[in-house]
Amino acid sequence: MGSKTSNRQLAPTVLFFLIIMFMSSTPVKSITCQEVLKVVFPCLSFVLGTVPPPPNAECCSGAQTLASMVTTTEDRRILCRCYQSIPPGIDIKPERVQQIPRDCKVNLSIPTDPNVDCNR
């Protein structure tokens, strides 16, 4: 009977370690620039300056989706690098990019300055 008590006491500990092993073996998926572009595409005309402020509802929805996708430091670094990799010929207005979180009332904890160090 003593061994049954020991097994019952041991079961929660074993379960805990199995859960930890499962969580640590599950690969963490980072965002990609393609995913980011797909989500923020509705903001393109706004950040290019071809439409007047404020950003439209579709852009704000995309910003909200982006905020929910960017959950880790690595995600923020990837997003930063995506932003910095936009070719200079595409005339993105940095001030418009900075305006989106404010106007859409979205908390994007990412840098919107194209000259920021993405590793910091």
Protein backbone atom coordinates (compact mmCIF):
# COMPACT_ATOMS: atom_id res chain seq x y z
CA MET A 1 0.00 0.00 0.00
CA GLY A 2 2.95 2.29 0.62
CA SER A 3 3.94 2.10 -3.06
CA LYS A 4 0.51 3.32 -4.19
CA THR A 5 0.87 6.38 -2.03
CA SER A 6 4.33 7.03 -3.48
CA ASN A 7 3.03 6.73 -7.05
CA ARG A 8 0.20 9.13 -6.30
CA GLN A 9 2.62 11.64 -4.88
CA LEU A 10 4.98 11.21 -7.79
CA ALA A 11 2.31 11.57 -10.52
CA PRO A 12 1.99 15.40 -10.37
CA THR A 13 5.76 15.77 -10.57
CA VAL A 14 6.00 13.45 -13.58
CA LEU A 15 3.11 15.27 -15.27
CA PHE A 16 4.80 18.61 -14.65
CA PHE A 17 8.04 17.45 -16.25
CA LEU A 18 6.18 15.93 -19.23
CA ILE A 19 4.44 19.27 -19.83
CA ILE A 20 7.77 21.13 -19.61
CA MET A 21 9.37 18.68 -22.05
CA PHE A 22 6.49 19.06 -24.50
CA MET A 23 6.59 22.85 -24.34
CA SER A 24 10.33 23.01 -24.81
CA SER A 25 10.24 20.60 -27.76
CA THR A 26 7.58 22.60 -29.61
CA PRO A 27 9.35 24.86 -32.10
CA VAL A 28 8.70 28.55 -31.64
CA LYS A 29 7.59 30.12 -34.90
CA SER A 30 8.80 33.62 -35.63
CA ILE A 31 7.03 35.97 -37.98
CA THR A 32 8.26 36.51 -41.53
CA CYS A 33 8.44 39.63 -43.66
CA GLN A 34 5.90 38.06 -46.04
CA GLU A 35 3.40 37.66 -43.19
CA VAL A 36 4.00 41.24 -42.11
CA LEU A 37 3.50 42.59 -45.63
CA LYS A 38 0.28 40.65 -46.05
CA VAL A 39 -1.13 42.05 -42.81
CA VAL A 40 -0.08 45.69 -43.34
CA PHE A 41 -0.85 45.86 -47.06
CA PRO A 42 -4.02 47.93 -46.40
CA CYS A 43 -1.72 50.63 -44.95
CA LEU A 44 0.38 50.96 -48.10
CA SER A 45 -1.39 53.95 -49.65
CA PHE A 46 -1.40 55.69 -46.27
CA VAL A 47 2.34 55.23 -45.59
CA LEU A 48 3.16 56.27 -49.15
CA GLY A 49 1.20 59.48 -48.56
CA THR A 50 -1.21 58.94 -51.46
CA VAL A 51 -4.28 59.19 -49.19
CA PRO A 52 -4.91 61.77 -46.47
CA PRO A 53 -4.84 60.98 -42.76
CA PRO A 54 -6.12 59.26 -40.76
CA PRO A 55 -5.38 55.64 -41.70
CA ASN A 56 -8.49 53.74 -42.81
CA ALA A 57 -10.24 50.99 -40.82
CA GLU A 58 -8.57 48.21 -42.84
CA CYS A 59 -5.14 49.65 -42.03
CA CYS A 60 -6.01 49.86 -38.34
CA SER A 61 -7.27 46.29 -38.42
CA GLY A 62 -3.97 45.21 -39.97
CA ALA A 63 -2.04 47.14 -37.30
CA GLN A 64 -4.09 45.37 -34.61
CA THR A 65 -3.34 42.00 -36.20
CA LEU A 66 0.34 42.87 -36.44
CA ALA A 67 0.41 43.83 -32.75
CA SER A 68 -1.00 40.42 -31.86
CA MET A 69 1.60 38.69 -34.07
CA VAL A 70 4.59 40.49 -32.58
CA THR A 71 4.88 38.85 -29.18
CA THR A 72 8.59 38.30 -28.62
CA THR A 73 11.80 40.28 -28.79
CA GLU A 74 12.84 38.22 -31.80
CA ASP A 75 9.53 39.09 -33.54
CA ARG A 76 10.21 42.79 -32.94
CA ARG A 77 13.73 42.42 -34.36
CA ILE A 78 12.39 40.65 -37.45
CA LEU A 79 9.75 43.33 -37.94
CA CYS A 80 12.39 46.03 -37.54
CA ARG A 81 14.61 44.37 -40.15
CA CYS A 82 11.65 43.98 -42.52
CA TYR A 83 10.96 47.69 -42.21
CA GLN A 84 14.60 48.57 -42.81
CA SER A 85 14.80 46.28 -45.85
CA ILE A 86 12.22 48.28 -47.82
CA PRO A 87 14.01 49.48 -50.95
CA PRO A 88 14.77 53.21 -50.98
CA GLY A 89 12.79 53.61 -54.22
CA ILE A 90 9.60 52.89 -52.30
CA ASP A 91 9.02 56.25 -50.68
CA ILE A 92 7.61 55.22 -47.30
CA LYS A 93 6.93 58.24 -45.11
CA PRO A 94 8.36 57.42 -41.64
CA GLU A 95 6.09 59.99 -39.99
CA ARG A 96 3.06 58.16 -41.44
CA VAL A 97 4.35 54.83 -40.11
CA GLN A 98 4.71 56.44 -36.68
CA GLN A 99 1.20 57.84 -36.93
CA ILE A 100 -0.53 54.45 -37.37
CA PRO A 101 -0.21 53.13 -33.78
CA ARG A 102 -1.37 56.46 -32.37
CA ASP A 103 -4.31 56.98 -34.74
CA CYS A 104 -5.40 53.33 -34.61
CA LYS A 105 -4.99 53.17 -30.83
CA VAL A 106 -2.77 50.11 -31.14
CA ASN A 107 0.11 49.33 -28.84
CA LEU A 108 2.94 48.37 -31.17
CA SER A 109 6.07 48.01 -29.10
CA ILE A 110 8.27 48.20 -32.16
CA PRO A 111 10.53 50.96 -33.44
CA THR A 112 9.18 52.94 -36.37
CA ASP A 113 12.38 54.84 -37.00
CA PRO A 114 14.07 53.45 -40.13
CA ASN A 115 17.51 54.19 -38.66
CA VAL A 116 17.10 52.35 -35.35
CA ASP A 117 19.46 49.51 -34.40
CA CYS A 118 17.24 46.41 -34.65
CA ASN A 119 19.49 44.43 -32.32
CA ARG A 120 18.78 46.72 -29.37
